[in-house]
Amino acid sequence: MAIGERLRMARKMARMSQQDLGEAAGVSRMAISKYERDEMDPSSGVLIALARALGVKVAYLLRPVAVKVSEPAFRKRTALGRKRQASIVERVRDWLDRYLTVEDLLREQTLFTWPVIDRSILEVADAEQVAVSLREAWDLGSDSIDNLTEILEHQGIKVGFVEGDDAFDALTLWADDDTPVIVVKQDIPGDRQRLNIAHELGHILLEIPPKWDHRQEESAAYRFAGALLMPASVVIRELGQHRERLDPYELHLLRHAYGLSMQAIIRRAKDLGVISESVYVRVCREFSRLGWRREEPGDQIDPERSERMKRLILRALAEEIITRSRASELLGQSLSDFWEAERQHHSGFPEPVHR
């Protein structure tokens, strides 16, 4: 009974030290250490106590871990303590483990392949052309992108959403060395999520000059993200070649048309020369005065949703490839909780079907 890796995952997800877990389960810290190194197996009673202390089922601890992940790149690494970083990474790893498992069950793996485009850049503005080339390679045209998550998942890039604290925005890592993974904070407006996802995609795709510092790399990733979500041709078409003033409600409507925040649209206008640096600074100061830098006015953009994993699990359940109990394990929640959440999101459906 090798539970070491799974036990360590669950403990880190719970932000518990070995000492904390030992005290909660009624065993020593040394015993927890030996369990995690697979040097000793817990008795059935201790196993139940460990599961109870961690808030998981015994079956979870007994299931082997099938996925390995690379060292993650956090957007705000310095603001996150090691314990909080570890908790987020292990939650991501647990989600990936369940996702890749249901793909294997249905033989529906989506493999990532590098797009056949020139990804090298010499200056920040070059990220614009990489975004244009990617849209062409993925046949996205120049219109707004309705669901960025679905597009990336179709290309073999896994996109996940986790509950995180204020210090967490996004992270990027690789699963099993060949699958890029982007994870963003769950409970934030959709426009912020989309920019974060596109920004992390920039970090994956852009070939950054080796002598660049972190600030230059971040600027290029943001330039790529803005160009992917709202290409230069669209900005010029919507705003014109030159402006001295941008109407806030005009920006709000564009925000809903392209799923990009008002502040990001203003930055696009500045980067493309539609507005001058002085106009940009003036508008940013006005946003700060009104408190719009923290929360933009009006109705919010709906959050991005990753539906592919759900669809695969429901397909496996409908085809009786998995049991209801296994479906709950793969969803990471009980079926009753899952259906309740779906009903809230889909105006009461599927109440008549699933009770």
Protein backbone atom coordinates (compact mmCIF):
# COMPACT_ATOMS: atom_id res chain seq x y z
CA MET A 1 0.00 0.00 0.00
CA ALA A 2 2.02 2.97 -1.29
CA ILE A 3 0.18 6.15 -0.28
CA GLY A 4 3.17 8.43 0.23
CA GLU A 5 2.83 10.72 -2.77
CA ARG A 6 -0.95 11.03 -2.46
CA LEU A 7 -0.70 11.70 1.27
CA ARG A 8 1.87 14.44 0.68
CA MET A 9 -0.37 15.99 -2.00
CA ALA A 10 -3.39 16.03 0.30
CA ARG A 11 -1.37 17.46 3.20
CA LYS A 12 0.02 20.30 1.09
CA MET A 13 -3.41 21.06 -0.38
CA ALA A 14 -4.65 21.40 3.21
CA ARG A 15 -1.67 23.67 4.06
CA MET A 16 -0.72 21.39 6.93
CA SER A 17 2.76 20.56 8.17
CA GLN A 18 3.67 16.98 9.04
CA GLN A 19 3.39 18.00 12.68
CA ASP A 20 -0.11 19.45 12.11
CA LEU A 21 -1.31 16.30 10.38
CA GLY A 22 0.23 14.01 12.98
CA GLU A 23 -1.53 15.85 15.80
CA ALA A 24 -4.85 15.81 13.93
CA ALA A 25 -4.60 12.08 13.17
CA GLY A 26 -3.17 11.04 16.53
CA VAL A 27 0.25 9.89 15.31
CA SER A 28 3.76 11.32 15.46
CA ARG A 29 5.35 13.65 12.93
CA MET A 30 7.96 10.92 12.34
CA ALA A 31 5.20 8.47 11.41
CA ILE A 32 3.77 10.94 8.87
CA SER A 33 7.25 11.37 7.40
CA LYS A 34 7.66 7.59 7.05
CA TYR A 35 4.20 7.25 5.47
CA GLU A 36 5.06 9.93 2.91
CA ARG A 37 8.36 8.25 2.05
CA ASP A 38 6.57 4.87 1.77
CA GLU A 39 8.84 3.48 4.48
CA MET A 40 5.87 2.42 6.60
CA ASP A 41 2.19 1.68 5.92
CA PRO A 42 -0.51 3.11 8.21
CA SER A 43 -2.97 0.75 9.82
CA SER A 44 -6.57 0.85 8.61
CA GLY A 45 -7.54 2.90 11.66
CA VAL A 46 -4.76 5.42 11.09
CA LEU A 47 -5.62 5.59 7.39
CA ILE A 48 -9.19 6.54 8.27
CA ALA A 49 -7.90 9.13 10.76
CA LEU A 50 -5.57 10.63 8.13
CA ALA A 51 -8.38 10.87 5.60
CA ARG A 52 -10.67 12.52 8.15
CA ALA A 53 -7.98 15.01 9.17
CA LEU A 54 -7.32 15.93 5.55
CA GLY A 55 -10.98 16.11 4.53
CA VAL A 56 -10.66 13.43 1.84
CA LYS A 57 -11.95 9.90 1.34
CA VAL A 58 -9.80 6.87 2.09
CA ALA A 59 -10.10 5.88 -1.58
CA TYR A 60 -8.40 9.14 -2.51
CA LEU A 61 -5.32 8.26 -0.48
CA LEU A 62 -5.17 4.77 -1.98
CA ARG A 63 -5.33 5.94 -5.61
CA PRO A 64 -1.88 6.24 -7.24
CA VAL A 65 -0.77 9.57 -8.70
CA ALA A 66 -0.45 9.30 -12.49
CA VAL A 67 0.82 12.76 -13.43
CA LYS A 68 4.08 14.58 -12.83
CA VAL A 69 4.40 18.35 -13.15
CA SER A 70 7.27 20.74 -13.74
CA GLU A 71 8.31 23.54 -11.41
CA PRO A 72 5.53 26.14 -11.75
CA ALA A 73 6.07 29.74 -12.79
CA PHE A 74 3.89 31.91 -10.57
CA ARG A 75 2.89 35.37 -11.75
CA LYS A 76 3.24 36.80 -8.24
CA ARG A 77 5.75 34.41 -6.72
CA THR A 78 7.18 36.89 -4.21
CA ALA A 79 3.76 37.56 -2.65
CA LEU A 80 3.02 33.90 -2.00
CA GLY A 81 4.56 31.98 0.87
CA ARG A 82 5.95 28.51 0.23
CA LYS A 83 3.06 26.77 1.98
CA ARG A 84 0.45 28.63 -0.11
CA GLN A 85 2.40 27.96 -3.31
CA ALA A 86 2.57 24.26 -2.47
CA SER A 87 -1.17 24.15 -1.74
CA ILE A 88 -2.04 25.67 -5.11
CA VAL A 89 0.38 23.41 -7.01
CA GLU A 90 -0.97 20.25 -5.41
CA ARG A 91 -4.57 21.30 -6.12
CA VAL A 92 -3.55 21.82 -9.74
CA ARG A 93 -1.83 18.44 -9.78
CA ASP A 94 -4.91 16.74 -8.35
CA TRP A 95 -7.12 18.36 -11.01
CA LEU A 96 -4.70 17.37 -13.79
CA ASP A 97 -4.54 13.82 -12.50
CA ARG A 98 -8.34 13.54 -12.73
CA TYR A 99 -8.46 15.28 -16.13
CA LEU A 100 -5.80 13.08 -17.76
CA THR A 101 -7.41 9.98 -16.23
CA VAL A 102 -10.78 10.58 -17.90
CA GLU A 103 -9.01 11.39 -21.19
CA ASP A 104 -7.26 8.02 -20.97
CA LEU A 105 -10.50 6.23 -20.20
CA LEU A 106 -12.12 7.60 -23.36
CA ARG A 107 -8.90 7.70 -25.42
CA GLU A 108 -9.61 11.37 -26.08
CA GLN A 109 -6.21 12.91 -25.42
CA THR A 110 -5.58 16.28 -27.06
CA LEU A 111 -1.89 16.56 -27.86
CA PHE A 112 -0.14 19.90 -27.89
CA THR A 113 1.96 20.75 -30.94
CA TRP A 114 3.97 23.92 -31.33
CA PRO A 115 2.30 26.22 -33.88
CA VAL A 116 4.31 26.59 -37.08
CA ILE A 117 5.02 30.30 -36.72
CA ASP A 118 8.00 32.52 -36.01
CA ARG A 119 7.91 32.92 -32.23
CA SER A 120 11.18 34.84 -31.84
CA ILE A 121 11.14 38.51 -30.84
CA LEU A 122 13.84 41.16 -30.58
CA GLU A 123 11.75 43.89 -28.93
CA VAL A 124 8.45 44.07 -27.05
CA ALA A 125 6.47 45.32 -30.06
CA ASP A 126 7.42 42.15 -31.99
CA ALA A 127 4.94 40.25 -29.81
CA GLU A 128 2.18 41.83 -31.91
CA GLN A 129 3.19 39.83 -34.99
CA VAL A 130 3.47 36.59 -33.02
CA ALA A 131 -0.15 37.06 -31.90
CA VAL A 132 -1.25 37.79 -35.47
CA SER A 133 0.58 34.70 -36.75
CA LEU A 134 -0.97 32.55 -34.04
CA ARG A 135 -4.48 33.73 -34.96
CA GLU A 136 -3.74 32.75 -38.56
CA ALA A 137 -2.25 29.37 -37.59
CA TRP A 138 -5.25 28.56 -35.39
CA ASP A 139 -7.73 29.97 -37.92
CA LEU A 140 -9.19 32.50 -35.47
CA GLY A 141 -9.69 35.36 -37.91
CA SER A 142 -9.67 38.86 -36.41
CA ASP A 143 -13.02 38.86 -34.58
CA SER A 144 -13.53 38.61 -30.83
CA ILE A 145 -12.76 35.33 -29.09
CA ASP A 146 -15.84 34.09 -27.28
CA ASN A 147 -14.18 31.44 -25.11
CA LEU A 148 -10.40 31.52 -24.97
CA THR A 149 -10.31 28.51 -22.68
CA GLU A 150 -12.06 26.24 -25.18
CA ILE A 151 -9.71 27.34 -27.97
CA LEU A 152 -6.61 26.56 -25.92
CA GLU A 153 -7.96 23.21 -24.76
CA HIS A 154 -8.72 22.29 -28.39
CA GLN A 155 -5.02 22.94 -29.06
CA GLY A 156 -3.91 20.61 -26.26
CA ILE A 157 -3.27 23.29 -23.62
CA LYS A 158 -4.96 22.52 -20.32
CA VAL A 159 -6.63 25.50 -18.61
CA GLY A 160 -7.70 25.25 -15.00
CA PHE A 161 -9.29 27.50 -12.41
CA VAL A 162 -8.51 27.35 -8.70
CA GLU A 163 -9.60 29.26 -5.67
CA GLY A 164 -6.70 31.44 -4.63
CA ASP A 165 -5.92 34.27 -2.27
CA ASP A 166 -5.32 37.87 -3.25
CA ALA A 167 -1.64 37.20 -3.93
CA PHE A 168 -2.39 34.65 -6.66
CA ASP A 169 -3.22 35.56 -10.26
CA ALA A 170 -1.93 32.78 -12.50
CA LEU A 171 0.72 30.14 -13.02
CA THR A 172 2.12 28.09 -15.88
CA LEU A 173 3.63 24.62 -15.74
CA TRP A 174 4.04 21.45 -17.82
CA ALA A 175 2.39 18.10 -17.14
CA ASP A 176 4.33 14.95 -18.04
CA ASP A 177 6.86 17.13 -19.93
CA ASP A 178 4.65 17.61 -23.00
CA THR A 179 1.38 19.26 -21.94
CA PRO A 180 1.38 23.00 -21.19
CA VAL A 181 -0.92 23.98 -18.33
CA ILE A 182 -2.28 27.44 -17.51
CA VAL A 183 -4.04 27.99 -14.20
CA VAL A 184 -5.80 31.21 -13.20
CA LYS A 185 -7.74 32.44 -10.22
CA GLN A 186 -11.35 31.37 -10.24
CA ASP A 187 -13.40 34.09 -8.58
CA ILE A 188 -12.43 37.16 -10.63
CA PRO A 189 -14.13 38.89 -13.59
CA GLY A 190 -13.86 37.18 -16.95
CA ASP A 191 -11.92 39.98 -18.64
CA ARG A 192 -9.19 39.72 -16.05
CA GLN A 193 -9.13 35.94 -16.41
CA ARG A 194 -8.87 36.18 -20.19
CA LEU A 195 -5.98 38.62 -20.03
CA ASN A 196 -4.22 36.36 -17.51
CA ILE A 197 -4.72 33.29 -19.71
CA ALA A 198 -3.49 35.08 -22.83
CA HIS A 199 -0.54 36.51 -20.86
CA GLU A 200 0.49 33.04 -19.68
CA LEU A 201 0.13 31.75 -23.24
CA GLY A 202 2.58 34.47 -24.23
CA HIS A 203 5.08 33.13 -21.71
CA ILE A 204 4.70 29.65 -23.23
CA LEU A 205 5.03 30.69 -26.87
CA LEU A 206 7.30 33.72 -27.06
CA GLU A 207 11.00 33.09 -27.61
CA ILE A 208 12.50 35.78 -25.38
CA PRO A 209 16.02 37.15 -26.00
CA PRO A 210 18.33 35.60 -23.38
CA LYS A 211 19.59 38.96 -22.08
CA TRP A 212 16.13 40.33 -21.28
CA ASP A 213 15.14 40.94 -17.68
CA HIS A 214 11.87 39.93 -16.04
CA ARG A 215 10.22 43.30 -16.69
CA GLN A 216 10.87 43.09 -20.44
CA GLU A 217 9.55 39.55 -20.57
CA GLU A 218 6.38 40.57 -18.72
CA SER A 219 5.86 43.52 -21.06
CA ALA A 220 6.17 41.27 -24.10
CA ALA A 221 3.71 38.74 -22.65
CA TYR A 222 1.18 41.50 -21.96
CA ARG A 223 1.69 42.95 -25.46
CA PHE A 224 1.07 39.48 -26.91
CA ALA A 225 -2.05 39.03 -24.76
CA GLY A 226 -3.58 42.34 -25.81
CA ALA A 227 -2.83 41.68 -29.48
CA LEU A 228 -4.32 38.20 -29.29
CA LEU A 229 -7.57 39.38 -27.69
CA MET A 230 -7.89 42.64 -29.65
CA PRO A 231 -5.67 42.78 -32.76
CA ALA A 232 -4.26 46.10 -33.95
CA SER A 233 -6.56 46.16 -36.96
CA VAL A 234 -9.57 45.86 -34.66
CA VAL A 235 -8.33 48.62 -32.34
CA ILE A 236 -7.93 51.00 -35.29
CA ARG A 237 -11.31 50.01 -36.70
CA GLU A 238 -13.09 50.58 -33.39
CA LEU A 239 -11.22 53.65 -32.10
CA GLY A 240 -9.83 55.30 -35.21
CA GLN A 241 -6.28 56.33 -36.04
CA HIS A 242 -5.93 59.12 -33.49
CA ARG A 243 -7.91 60.18 -30.42
CA GLU A 244 -7.57 62.93 -27.84
CA ARG A 245 -10.31 61.55 -25.62
CA LEU A 246 -11.88 58.15 -24.95
CA ASP A 247 -15.44 57.98 -23.66
CA PRO A 248 -15.80 55.64 -20.64
CA TYR A 249 -19.05 54.13 -21.91
CA GLU A 250 -17.46 53.55 -25.33
CA LEU A 251 -14.73 51.61 -23.53
CA HIS A 252 -17.33 49.69 -21.53
CA LEU A 253 -19.09 48.58 -24.72
CA LEU A 254 -15.78 47.51 -26.25
CA ARG A 255 -15.02 45.63 -23.06
CA HIS A 256 -18.12 43.52 -23.58
CA ALA A 257 -17.51 43.15 -27.31
CA TYR A 258 -13.99 41.76 -26.91
CA GLY A 259 -13.81 40.53 -23.32
CA LEU A 260 -10.90 42.83 -22.56
CA SER A 261 -10.88 45.24 -19.63
CA MET A 262 -11.26 48.98 -20.20
CA GLN A 263 -7.76 49.51 -18.82
CA ALA A 264 -6.30 46.94 -21.20
CA ILE A 265 -8.06 48.61 -24.14
CA ILE A 266 -6.61 51.96 -23.10
CA ARG A 267 -3.16 50.36 -22.96
CA ARG A 268 -3.70 48.90 -26.45
CA ALA A 269 -4.62 52.37 -27.72
CA LYS A 270 -1.43 53.80 -26.23
CA ASP A 271 0.80 51.00 -27.53
CA LEU A 272 -0.57 51.43 -31.06
CA GLY A 273 -0.30 55.21 -31.08
CA VAL A 274 -4.04 55.87 -31.10
CA ILE A 275 -3.60 58.00 -27.99
CA SER A 276 -0.47 59.77 -26.79
CA GLU A 277 1.44 59.02 -23.60
CA SER A 278 0.00 62.16 -22.01
CA VAL A 279 -3.58 61.15 -22.83
CA TYR A 280 -2.87 57.67 -21.47
CA VAL A 281 -1.55 59.06 -18.20
CA ARG A 282 -4.54 61.41 -17.89
CA VAL A 283 -7.05 58.60 -18.41
CA CYS A 284 -5.24 56.33 -15.94
CA ARG A 285 -5.30 59.07 -13.32
CA GLU A 286 -9.01 59.55 -13.88
CA PHE A 287 -9.59 55.81 -13.45
CA SER A 288 -7.62 55.91 -10.19
CA ARG A 289 -9.61 58.91 -8.93
CA LEU A 290 -12.89 57.11 -9.62
CA GLY A 291 -11.71 53.82 -8.11
CA TRP A 292 -11.97 52.05 -11.46
CA ARG A 293 -8.44 50.68 -11.38
CA ARG A 294 -9.58 48.23 -8.72
CA GLU A 295 -13.07 47.49 -10.08
CA GLU A 296 -14.35 48.79 -13.39
CA PRO A 297 -17.91 50.18 -13.54
CA GLY A 298 -20.98 48.51 -14.97
CA ASP A 299 -21.87 44.86 -15.44
CA GLN A 300 -18.96 42.45 -15.26
CA ILE A 301 -17.71 40.02 -17.92
CA ASP A 302 -18.78 36.45 -17.16
CA PRO A 303 -15.88 34.28 -15.99
CA GLU A 304 -14.26 31.86 -18.41
CA ARG A 305 -15.43 28.28 -17.99
CA SER A 306 -13.59 25.05 -18.73
CA GLU A 307 -16.28 22.57 -19.79
CA ARG A 308 -14.34 19.88 -21.67
CA MET A 309 -13.42 17.83 -18.61
CA LYS A 310 -17.05 17.88 -17.43
CA ARG A 311 -18.24 16.76 -20.85
CA LEU A 312 -15.79 13.86 -20.89
CA ILE A 313 -16.83 12.70 -17.42
CA LEU A 314 -20.54 12.90 -18.28
CA ARG A 315 -19.88 10.97 -21.50
CA ALA A 316 -18.01 8.24 -19.61
CA LEU A 317 -20.87 8.08 -17.09
CA ALA A 318 -23.58 7.93 -19.79
CA GLU A 319 -21.72 5.17 -21.63
CA GLU A 320 -21.30 3.29 -18.31
CA ILE A 321 -17.53 3.34 -18.61
CA ILE A 322 -17.43 4.67 -15.05
CA THR A 323 -19.76 4.39 -12.07
CA ARG A 324 -21.46 7.29 -10.32
CA SER A 325 -18.96 6.95 -7.50
CA ARG A 326 -16.05 7.14 -9.95
CA ALA A 327 -17.65 10.14 -11.64
CA SER A 328 -17.74 11.92 -8.27
CA GLU A 329 -14.05 11.16 -7.74
CA LEU A 330 -13.14 12.53 -11.17
CA LEU A 331 -15.27 15.65 -10.69
CA GLY A 332 -13.72 16.24 -7.30
CA GLN A 333 -17.15 16.67 -5.71
CA SER A 334 -20.34 14.71 -5.11
CA LEU A 335 -22.71 14.37 -8.05
CA SER A 336 -25.45 16.13 -6.07
CA ASP A 337 -23.18 19.14 -5.50
CA PHE A 338 -22.13 19.08 -9.16
CA TRP A 339 -25.72 19.05 -10.44
CA GLU A 340 -26.73 21.81 -8.03
CA ALA A 341 -23.90 24.03 -9.26
CA GLU A 342 -24.82 23.33 -12.89
CA ARG A 343 -28.49 24.09 -12.24
CA GLN A 344 -27.58 27.44 -10.74
CA HIS A 345 -25.51 28.30 -13.78
CA HIS A 346 -28.00 27.01 -16.38
CA SER A 347 -31.29 28.44 -15.09
CA GLY A 348 -32.53 25.28 -13.37
CA PHE A 349 -31.49 22.74 -15.98
CA PRO A 350 -31.03 19.72 -15.69
CA GLU A 351 -33.44 19.37 -12.72
CA PRO A 352 -35.98 17.15 -14.57
CA VAL A 353 -33.21 14.81 -15.75
CA HIS A 354 -30.97 14.38 -12.70
CA ARG A 355 -32.51 14.17 -9.27
